[in-house]
Amino acid sequence: MLEKQITKKIKSYLNSLEGVFVWKTHGNQFSCPGVPDIIGTFKGRLIAVEVKRPGKVPTKLQQAFIDKLNATGAISFVATCVEDVEKELSI
């Protein structure tokens, strides 16, 4: 499955949950390098999901961004499927 398809499934799943609102980010000259693919809110907290195909890992820049978000109280992680999201959010 392509990363684009995984992202669409995760985004759709998250937006189906009560208390969640997320959107897909798009890298361009105005965005921050390393910003995760999906950003939004989960029960009043920032959520950021870096989507990867199974077996792939985030770049050093992406991982640093995830780590900085988590250090400030956000919920940020890498996901390869909807089940990863369920696990990270303990749903």
PDB file of N, CA and C in Angstrom:
ATOM      1  N   MET A   1       0.844  -1.178   0.000  1.00  0.00           N
ATOM      2  CA  MET A   1       0.000   0.000   0.000  1.00  0.00           C
ATOM      3  C   MET A   1       0.893   1.246   0.000  1.00  0.00           C
ATOM      4  N   LEU A   2       0.519   2.241  -0.766  1.00  0.00           N
ATOM      5  CA  LEU A   2       1.275   3.488  -0.832  1.00  0.00           C
ATOM      6  C   LEU A   2       1.068   4.329   0.423  1.00  0.00           C
ATOM      7  N   GLU A   3       2.070   5.149   0.750  1.00  0.00           N
ATOM      8  CA  GLU A   3       1.965   6.022   1.923  1.00  0.00           C
ATOM      9  C   GLU A   3       0.736   6.927   1.822  1.00  0.00           C
ATOM     10  N   LYS A   4       0.440   7.387   0.636  1.00  0.00           N
ATOM     11  CA  LYS A   4      -0.723   8.252   0.421  1.00  0.00           C
ATOM     12  C   LYS A   4      -2.019   7.543   0.834  1.00  0.00           C
ATOM     13  N   GLN A   5      -2.131   6.263   0.520  1.00  0.00           N
ATOM     14  CA  GLN A   5      -3.317   5.483   0.877  1.00  0.00           C
ATOM     15  C   GLN A   5      -3.394   5.251   2.387  1.00  0.00           C
ATOM     16  N   ILE A   6      -2.248   4.982   3.000  1.00  0.00           N
ATOM     17  CA  ILE A   6      -2.204   4.792   4.459  1.00  0.00           C
ATOM     18  C   ILE A   6      -2.608   6.084   5.152  1.00  0.00           C
ATOM     19  N   THR A   7      -2.079   7.206   4.684  1.00  0.00           N
ATOM     20  CA  THR A   7      -2.401   8.518   5.258  1.00  0.00           C
ATOM     21  C   THR A   7      -3.896   8.778   5.184  1.00  0.00           C
ATOM     22  N   LYS A   8      -4.497   8.499   4.047  1.00  0.00           N
ATOM     23  CA  LYS A   8      -5.939   8.720   3.867  1.00  0.00           C
ATOM     24  C   LYS A   8      -6.750   7.881   4.847  1.00  0.00           C
ATOM     25  N   LYS A   9      -6.366   6.609   5.035  1.00  0.00           N
ATOM     26  CA  LYS A   9      -7.083   5.730   5.965  1.00  0.00           C
ATOM     27  C   LYS A   9      -6.943   6.216   7.409  1.00  0.00           C
ATOM     28  N   ILE A  10      -5.731   6.602   7.793  1.00  0.00           N
ATOM     29  CA  ILE A  10      -5.503   7.083   9.162  1.00  0.00           C
ATOM     30  C   ILE A  10      -6.264   8.380   9.402  1.00  0.00           C
ATOM     31  N   LYS A  11      -6.195   9.299   8.468  1.00  0.00           N
ATOM     32  CA  LYS A  11      -6.901  10.578   8.599  1.00  0.00           C
ATOM     33  C   LYS A  11      -8.414  10.356   8.706  1.00  0.00           C
ATOM     34  N   SER A  12      -8.947   9.506   7.871  1.00  0.00           N
ATOM     35  CA  SER A  12     -10.373   9.198   7.908  1.00  0.00           C
ATOM     36  C   SER A  12     -10.766   8.573   9.251  1.00  0.00           C
ATOM     37  N   TYR A  13      -9.963   7.635   9.720  1.00  0.00           N
ATOM     38  CA  TYR A  13     -10.218   6.994  11.007  1.00  0.00           C
ATOM     39  C   TYR A  13     -10.221   8.021  12.139  1.00  0.00           C
ATOM     40  N   LEU A  14      -9.187   8.852  12.183  1.00  0.00           N
ATOM     41  CA  LEU A  14      -9.091   9.841  13.256  1.00  0.00           C
ATOM     42  C   LEU A  14     -10.270  10.813  13.234  1.00  0.00           C
ATOM     43  N   ASN A  15     -10.646  11.275  12.050  1.00  0.00           N
ATOM     44  CA  ASN A  15     -11.760  12.220  11.961  1.00  0.00           C
ATOM     45  C   ASN A  15     -13.096  11.583  12.286  1.00  0.00           C
ATOM     46  N   SER A  16     -13.170  10.252  12.317  1.00  0.00           N
ATOM     47  CA  SER A  16     -14.415   9.575  12.686  1.00  0.00           C
ATOM     48  C   SER A  16     -14.591   9.490  14.201  1.00  0.00           C
ATOM     49  N   LEU A  17     -13.522   9.762  14.945  1.00  0.00           N
ATOM     50  CA  LEU A  17     -13.579   9.678  16.404  1.00  0.00           C
ATOM     51  C   LEU A  17     -14.142  10.957  17.009  1.00  0.00           C
ATOM     52  N   GLU A  18     -14.873  10.803  18.084  1.00  0.00           N
ATOM     53  CA  GLU A  18     -15.388  11.969  18.800  1.00  0.00           C
ATOM     54  C   GLU A  18     -14.219  12.678  19.491  1.00  0.00           C
ATOM     55  N   GLY A  19     -14.225  14.005  19.431  1.00  0.00           N
ATOM     56  CA  GLY A  19     -13.184  14.789  20.094  1.00  0.00           C
ATOM     57  C   GLY A  19     -11.894  14.890  19.308  1.00  0.00           C
ATOM     58  N   VAL A  20     -11.938  14.524  18.008  1.00  0.00           N
ATOM     59  CA  VAL A  20     -10.736  14.564  17.176  1.00  0.00           C
ATOM     60  C   VAL A  20     -11.009  15.375  15.916  1.00  0.00           C
ATOM     61  N   PHE A  21     -10.035  16.200  15.538  1.00  0.00           N
ATOM     62  CA  PHE A  21     -10.074  16.921  14.266  1.00  0.00           C
ATOM     63  C   PHE A  21      -8.655  16.968  13.733  1.00  0.00           C
ATOM     64  N   VAL A  22      -8.432  16.399  12.559  1.00  0.00           N
ATOM     65  CA  VAL A  22      -7.098  16.368  11.975  1.00  0.00           C
ATOM     66  C   VAL A  22      -7.150  16.754  10.499  1.00  0.00           C
ATOM     67  N   TRP A  23      -5.983  17.112   9.960  1.00  0.00           N
ATOM     68  CA  TRP A  23      -5.863  17.433   8.548  1.00  0.00           C
ATOM     69  C   TRP A  23      -4.492  16.997   8.058  1.00  0.00           C
ATOM     70  N   LYS A  24      -4.370  16.851   6.750  1.00  0.00           N
ATOM     71  CA  LYS A  24      -3.121  16.459   6.106  1.00  0.00           C
ATOM     72  C   LYS A  24      -2.291  17.707   5.857  1.00  0.00           C
ATOM     73  N   THR A  25      -1.024  17.657   6.226  1.00  0.00           N
ATOM     74  CA  THR A  25      -0.122  18.774   5.945  1.00  0.00           C
ATOM     75  C   THR A  25       0.518  18.537   4.580  1.00  0.00           C
ATOM     76  N   HIS A  26       0.953  19.617   3.972  1.00  0.00           N
ATOM     77  CA  HIS A  26       1.600  19.520   2.663  1.00  0.00           C
ATOM     78  C   HIS A  26       2.888  20.316   2.716  1.00  0.00           C
ATOM     79  N   GLY A  27       3.987  19.645   2.484  1.00  0.00           N
ATOM     80  CA  GLY A  27       5.281  20.321   2.509  1.00  0.00           C
ATOM     81  C   GLY A  27       5.435  21.284   1.342  1.00  0.00           C
ATOM     82  N   ASN A  28       5.843  22.488   1.644  1.00  0.00           N
ATOM     83  CA  ASN A  28       6.155  23.486   0.621  1.00  0.00           C
ATOM     84  C   ASN A  28       7.113  24.505   1.224  1.00  0.00           C
ATOM     85  N   GLN A  29       7.415  25.565   0.503  1.00  0.00           N
ATOM     86  CA  GLN A  29       8.393  26.538   0.997  1.00  0.00           C
ATOM     87  C   GLN A  29       7.916  27.278   2.245  1.00  0.00           C
ATOM     88  N   PHE A  30       6.636  27.190   2.584  1.00  0.00           N
ATOM     89  CA  PHE A  30       6.104  27.891   3.752  1.00  0.00           C
ATOM     90  C   PHE A  30       5.967  26.995   4.981  1.00  0.00           C
ATOM     91  N   SER A  31       6.186  25.688   4.804  1.00  0.00           N
ATOM     92  CA  SER A  31       6.030  24.781   5.940  1.00  0.00           C
ATOM     93  C   SER A  31       7.369  24.568   6.638  1.00  0.00           C
ATOM     94  N   CYS A  32       7.270  24.007   7.821  1.00  0.00           N
ATOM     95  CA  CYS A  32       8.444  23.705   8.643  1.00  0.00           C
ATOM     96  C   CYS A  32       9.032  22.365   8.182  1.00  0.00           C
ATOM     97  N   PRO A  33      10.334  22.275   7.975  1.00  0.00           N
ATOM     98  CA  PRO A  33      10.936  20.990   7.601  1.00  0.00           C
ATOM     99  C   PRO A  33      10.726  19.935   8.705  1.00  0.00           C
ATOM    100  N   GLY A  34      10.325  18.740   8.292  1.00  0.00           N
ATOM    101  CA  GLY A  34      10.146  17.646   9.240  1.00  0.00           C
ATOM    102  C   GLY A  34       8.768  17.546   9.858  1.00  0.00           C
ATOM    103  N   VAL A  35       7.870  18.489   9.541  1.00  0.00           N
ATOM    104  CA  VAL A  35       6.536  18.472  10.144  1.00  0.00           C
ATOM    105  C   VAL A  35       5.819  17.170   9.765  1.00  0.00           C
ATOM    106  N   PRO A  36       5.149  16.518  10.743  1.00  0.00           N
ATOM    107  CA  PRO A  36       4.457  15.264  10.460  1.00  0.00           C
ATOM    108  C   PRO A  36       3.343  15.420   9.415  1.00  0.00           C
ATOM    109  N   ASP A  37       2.932  14.297   8.840  1.00  0.00           N
ATOM    110  CA  ASP A  37       1.946  14.279   7.754  1.00  0.00           C
ATOM    111  C   ASP A  37       0.541  14.673   8.180  1.00  0.00           C
ATOM    112  N   ILE A  38       0.163  14.298   9.388  1.00  0.00           N
ATOM    113  CA  ILE A  38      -1.183  14.581   9.891  1.00  0.00           C
ATOM    114  C   ILE A  38      -1.056  15.366  11.192  1.00  0.00           C
ATOM    115  N   ILE A  39      -1.771  16.483  11.259  1.00  0.00           N
ATOM    116  CA  ILE A  39      -1.761  17.352  12.447  1.00  0.00           C
ATOM    117  C   ILE A  39      -3.201  17.588  12.872  1.00  0.00           C
ATOM    118  N   GLY A  40      -3.421  17.784  14.157  1.00  0.00           N
ATOM    119  CA  GLY A  40      -4.763  18.103  14.619  1.00  0.00           C
ATOM    120  C   GLY A  40      -4.865  18.102  16.126  1.00  0.00           C
ATOM    121  N   THR A  41      -6.074  17.835  16.595  1.00  0.00           N
ATOM    122  CA  THR A  41      -6.316  17.795  18.032  1.00  0.00           C
ATOM    123  C   THR A  41      -6.971  16.471  18.413  1.00  0.00           C
ATOM    124  N   PHE A  42      -6.639  16.010  19.603  1.00  0.00           N
ATOM    125  CA  PHE A  42      -7.201  14.787  20.164  1.00  0.00           C
ATOM    126  C   PHE A  42      -7.531  15.094  21.609  1.00  0.00           C
ATOM    127  N   LYS A  43      -8.826  15.201  21.907  1.00  0.00           N
ATOM    128  CA  LYS A  43      -9.280  15.500  23.265  1.00  0.00           C
ATOM    129  C   LYS A  43      -8.562  16.721  23.837  1.00  0.00           C
ATOM    130  N   GLY A  44      -8.420  17.756  23.018  1.00  0.00           N
ATOM    131  CA  GLY A  44      -7.834  19.012  23.477  1.00  0.00           C
ATOM    132  C   GLY A  44      -6.317  19.080  23.424  1.00  0.00           C
ATOM    133  N   ARG A  45      -5.670  18.020  22.964  1.00  0.00           N
ATOM    134  CA  ARG A  45      -4.197  18.013  22.859  1.00  0.00           C
ATOM    135  C   ARG A  45      -3.787  17.967  21.392  1.00  0.00           C
ATOM    136  N   LEU A  46      -2.645  18.549  21.106  1.00  0.00           N
ATOM    137  CA  LEU A  46      -2.099  18.479  19.763  1.00  0.00           C
ATOM    138  C   LEU A  46      -1.730  17.037  19.452  1.00  0.00           C
ATOM    139  N   ILE A  47      -2.095  16.587  18.254  1.00  0.00           N
ATOM    140  CA  ILE A  47      -1.694  15.265  17.787  1.00  0.00           C
ATOM    141  C   ILE A  47      -0.965  15.452  16.457  1.00  0.00           C
ATOM    142  N   ALA A  48       0.109  14.713  16.269  1.00  0.00           N
ATOM    143  CA  ALA A  48       0.883  14.778  15.033  1.00  0.00           C
ATOM    144  C   ALA A  48       1.334  13.368  14.670  1.00  0.00           C
ATOM    145  N   VAL A  49       1.005  12.943  13.462  1.00  0.00           N
ATOM    146  CA  VAL A  49       1.307  11.581  13.032  1.00  0.00           C
ATOM    147  C   VAL A  49       2.175  11.619  11.781  1.00  0.00           C
ATOM    148  N   GLU A  50       3.339  11.015  11.865  1.00  0.00           N
ATOM    149  CA  GLU A  50       4.201  10.839  10.695  1.00  0.00           C
ATOM    150  C   GLU A  50       3.855   9.477  10.104  1.00  0.00           C
ATOM    151  N   VAL A  51       3.352   9.460   8.897  1.00  0.00           N
ATOM    152  CA  VAL A  51       2.918   8.221   8.257  1.00  0.00           C
ATOM    153  C   VAL A  51       4.057   7.646   7.421  1.00  0.00           C
ATOM    154  N   LYS A  52       4.282   6.356   7.594  1.00  0.00           N
ATOM    155  CA  LYS A  52       5.311   5.643   6.844  1.00  0.00           C
ATOM    156  C   LYS A  52       4.759   4.313   6.346  1.00  0.00           C
ATOM    157  N   ARG A  53       5.314   3.825   5.255  1.00  0.00           N
ATOM    158  CA  ARG A  53       5.001   2.476   4.794  1.00  0.00           C
ATOM    159  C   ARG A  53       5.657   1.487   5.758  1.00  0.00           C
ATOM    160  N   PRO A  54       5.076   0.306   5.917  1.00  0.00           N
ATOM    161  CA  PRO A  54       5.690  -0.685   6.803  1.00  0.00           C
ATOM    162  C   PRO A  54       7.154  -0.920   6.449  1.00  0.00           C
ATOM    163  N   GLY A  55       7.999  -0.946   7.473  1.00  0.00           N
ATOM    164  CA  GLY A  55       9.421  -1.160   7.294  1.00  0.00           C
ATOM    165  C   GLY A  55      10.234   0.107   7.085  1.00  0.00           C
ATOM    166  N   LYS A  56       9.553   1.226   6.856  1.00  0.00           N
ATOM    167  CA  LYS A  56      10.241   2.503   6.655  1.00  0.00           C
ATOM    168  C   LYS A  56      10.324   3.243   7.988  1.00  0.00           C
ATOM    169  N   VAL A  57      11.320   4.107   8.133  1.00  0.00           N
ATOM    170  CA  VAL A  57      11.512   4.871   9.364  1.00  0.00           C
ATOM    171  C   VAL A  57      11.571   6.357   9.029  1.00  0.00           C
ATOM    172  N   PRO A  58      11.259   7.210  10.015  1.00  0.00           N
ATOM    173  CA  PRO A  58      11.329   8.651   9.761  1.00  0.00           C
ATOM    174  C   PRO A  58      12.773   9.111   9.566  1.00  0.00           C
ATOM    175  N   THR A  59      12.935  10.213   8.849  1.00  0.00           N
ATOM    176  CA  THR A  59      14.262  10.803   8.710  1.00  0.00           C
ATOM    177  C   THR A  59      14.678  11.375  10.060  1.00  0.00           C
ATOM    178  N   LYS A  60      15.944  11.710  10.202  1.00  0.00           N
ATOM    179  CA  LYS A  60      16.424  12.318  11.447  1.00  0.00           C
ATOM    180  C   LYS A  60      15.671  13.609  11.730  1.00  0.00           C
ATOM    181  N   LEU A  61      15.409  14.394  10.703  1.00  0.00           N
ATOM    182  CA  LEU A  61      14.681  15.648  10.860  1.00  0.00           C
ATOM    183  C   LEU A  61      13.247  15.395  11.319  1.00  0.00           C
ATOM    184  N   GLN A  62      12.583  14.421  10.723  1.00  0.00           N
ATOM    185  CA  GLN A  62      11.213  14.072  11.131  1.00  0.00           C
ATOM    186  C   GLN A  62      11.183  13.572  12.568  1.00  0.00           C
ATOM    187  N   GLN A  63      12.130  12.704  12.945  1.00  0.00           N
ATOM    188  CA  GLN A  63      12.166  12.179  14.311  1.00  0.00           C
ATOM    189  C   GLN A  63      12.442  13.287  15.318  1.00  0.00           C
ATOM    190  N   ALA A  64      13.315  14.224  14.962  1.00  0.00           N
ATOM    191  CA  ALA A  64      13.601  15.355  15.850  1.00  0.00           C
ATOM    192  C   ALA A  64      12.347  16.195  16.065  1.00  0.00           C
ATOM    193  N   PHE A  65      11.558  16.393  15.008  1.00  0.00           N
ATOM    194  CA  PHE A  65      10.314  17.161  15.123  1.00  0.00           C
ATOM    195  C   PHE A  65       9.334  16.435  16.050  1.00  0.00           C
ATOM    196  N   ILE A  66       9.194  15.126  15.862  1.00  0.00           N
ATOM    197  CA  ILE A  66       8.320  14.316  16.716  1.00  0.00           C
ATOM    198  C   ILE A  66       8.765  14.415  18.174  1.00  0.00           C
ATOM    199  N   ASP A  67      10.057  14.289  18.412  1.00  0.00           N
ATOM    200  CA  ASP A  67      10.599  14.352  19.774  1.00  0.00           C
ATOM    201  C   ASP A  67      10.334  15.713  20.419  1.00  0.00           C
ATOM    202  N   LYS A  68      10.492  16.797  19.658  1.00  0.00           N
ATOM    203  CA  LYS A  68      10.233  18.138  20.193  1.00  0.00           C
ATOM    204  C   LYS A  68       8.766  18.305  20.551  1.00  0.00           C
ATOM    205  N   LEU A  69       7.881  17.809  19.698  1.00  0.00           N
ATOM    206  CA  LEU A  69       6.446  17.893  19.998  1.00  0.00           C
ATOM    207  C   LEU A  69       6.117  17.132  21.278  1.00  0.00           C
ATOM    208  N   ASN A  70       6.618  15.910  21.391  1.00  0.00           N
ATOM    209  CA  ASN A  70       6.348  15.103  22.587  1.00  0.00           C
ATOM    210  C   ASN A  70       6.912  15.751  23.845  1.00  0.00           C
ATOM    211  N   ALA A  71       8.048  16.405  23.738  1.00  0.00           N
ATOM    212  CA  ALA A  71       8.668  17.059  24.889  1.00  0.00           C
ATOM    213  C   ALA A  71       7.833  18.229  25.408  1.00  0.00           C
ATOM    214  N   THR A  72       6.957  18.759  24.558  1.00  0.00           N
ATOM    215  CA  THR A  72       6.125  19.886  24.981  1.00  0.00           C
ATOM    216  C   THR A  72       4.692  19.472  25.311  1.00  0.00           C
ATOM    217  N   GLY A  73       4.435  18.164  25.374  1.00  0.00           N
ATOM    218  CA  GLY A  73       3.123  17.682  25.785  1.00  0.00           C
ATOM    219  C   GLY A  73       2.203  17.245  24.666  1.00  0.00           C
ATOM    220  N   ALA A  74       2.670  17.302  23.439  1.00  0.00           N
ATOM    221  CA  ALA A  74       1.853  16.832  22.316  1.00  0.00           C
ATOM    222  C   ALA A  74       1.879  15.307  22.260  1.00  0.00           C
ATOM    223  N   ILE A  75       1.005  14.750  21.452  1.00  0.00           N
ATOM    224  CA  ILE A  75       0.996  13.316  21.176  1.00  0.00           C
ATOM    225  C   ILE A  75       1.479  13.180  19.737  1.00  0.00           C
ATOM    226  N   SER A  76       2.689  12.719  19.570  1.00  0.00           N
ATOM    227  CA  SER A  76       3.281  12.632  18.237  1.00  0.00           C
ATOM    228  C   SER A  76       3.985  11.291  18.079  1.00  0.00           C
ATOM    229  N   PHE A  77       3.792  10.658  16.928  1.00  0.00           N
ATOM    230  CA  PHE A  77       4.343   9.326  16.717  1.00  0.00           C
ATOM    231  C   PHE A  77       4.361   8.975  15.238  1.00  0.00           C
ATOM    232  N   VAL A  78       5.001   7.847  14.927  1.00  0.00           N
ATOM    233  CA  VAL A  78       5.039   7.301  13.575  1.00  0.00           C
ATOM    234  C   VAL A  78       4.000   6.190  13.501  1.00  0.00           C
ATOM    235  N   ALA A  79       3.256   6.136  12.395  1.00  0.00           N
ATOM    236  CA  ALA A  79       2.252   5.095  12.209  1.00  0.00           C
ATOM    237  C   ALA A  79       2.356   4.528  10.796  1.00  0.00           C
ATOM    238  N   THR A  80       2.172   3.215  10.699  1.00  0.00           N
ATOM    239  CA  THR A  80       2.159   2.554   9.396  1.00  0.00           C
ATOM    240  C   THR A  80       0.771   2.026   9.050  1.00  0.00           C
ATOM    241  N   CYS A  81      -0.163   2.138  10.015  1.00  0.00           N
ATOM    242  CA  CYS A  81      -1.527   1.648   9.813  1.00  0.00           C
ATOM    243  C   CYS A  81      -2.443   2.222  10.902  1.00  0.00           C
ATOM    244  N   VAL A  82      -3.729   2.023  10.728  1.00  0.00           N
ATOM    245  CA  VAL A  82      -4.716   2.493  11.710  1.00  0.00           C
ATOM    246  C   VAL A  82      -4.472   1.848  13.070  1.00  0.00           C
ATOM    247  N   GLU A  83      -4.066   0.589  13.071  1.00  0.00           N
ATOM    248  CA  GLU A  83      -3.828  -0.112  14.344  1.00  0.00           C
ATOM    249  C   GLU A  83      -2.719   0.549  15.151  1.00  0.00           C
ATOM    250  N   ASP A  84      -1.720   1.093  14.486  1.00  0.00           N
ATOM    251  CA  ASP A  84      -0.655   1.841  15.199  1.00  0.00           C
ATOM    252  C   ASP A  84      -1.250   3.047  15.905  1.00  0.00           C
ATOM    253  N   VAL A  85      -2.171   3.716  15.253  1.00  0.00           N
ATOM    254  CA  VAL A  85      -2.813   4.903  15.833  1.00  0.00           C
ATOM    255  C   VAL A  85      -3.642   4.496  17.044  1.00  0.00           C
ATOM    256  N   GLU A  86      -4.415   3.443  16.910  1.00  0.00           N
ATOM    257  CA  GLU A  86      -5.232   2.948  18.032  1.00  0.00           C
ATOM    258  C   GLU A  86      -4.352   2.630  19.229  1.00  0.00           C
ATOM    259  N   LYS A  87      -3.222   2.001  18.990  1.00  0.00           N
ATOM    260  CA  LYS A  87      -2.294   1.633  20.071  1.00  0.00           C
ATOM    261  C   LYS A  87      -1.731   2.877  20.735  1.00  0.00           C
ATOM    262  N   GLU A  88      -1.255   3.832  19.931  1.00  0.00           N
ATOM    263  CA  GLU A  88      -0.646   5.057  20.487  1.00  0.00           C
ATOM    264  C   GLU A  88      -1.630   5.886  21.281  1.00  0.00           C
ATOM    265  N   LEU A  89      -2.885   5.889  20.854  1.00  0.00           N
ATOM    266  CA  LEU A  89      -3.914   6.679  21.549  1.00  0.00           C
ATOM    267  C   LEU A  89      -4.662   5.847  22.590  1.00  0.00           C
ATOM    268  N   SER A  90      -4.277   4.579  22.734  1.00  0.00           N
ATOM    269  CA  SER A  90      -4.912   3.649  23.687  1.00  0.00           C
ATOM    270  C   SER A  90      -6.417   3.573  23.488  1.00  0.00           C
ATOM    271  N   ILE A  91      -6.814   3.394  22.244  1.00  0.00           N
ATOM    272  CA  ILE A  91      -8.250   3.322  21.906  1.00  0.00           C
ATOM    273  C   ILE A  91      -8.641   1.875  21.727  1.00  0.00           C
TER     274      ILE A  91
END
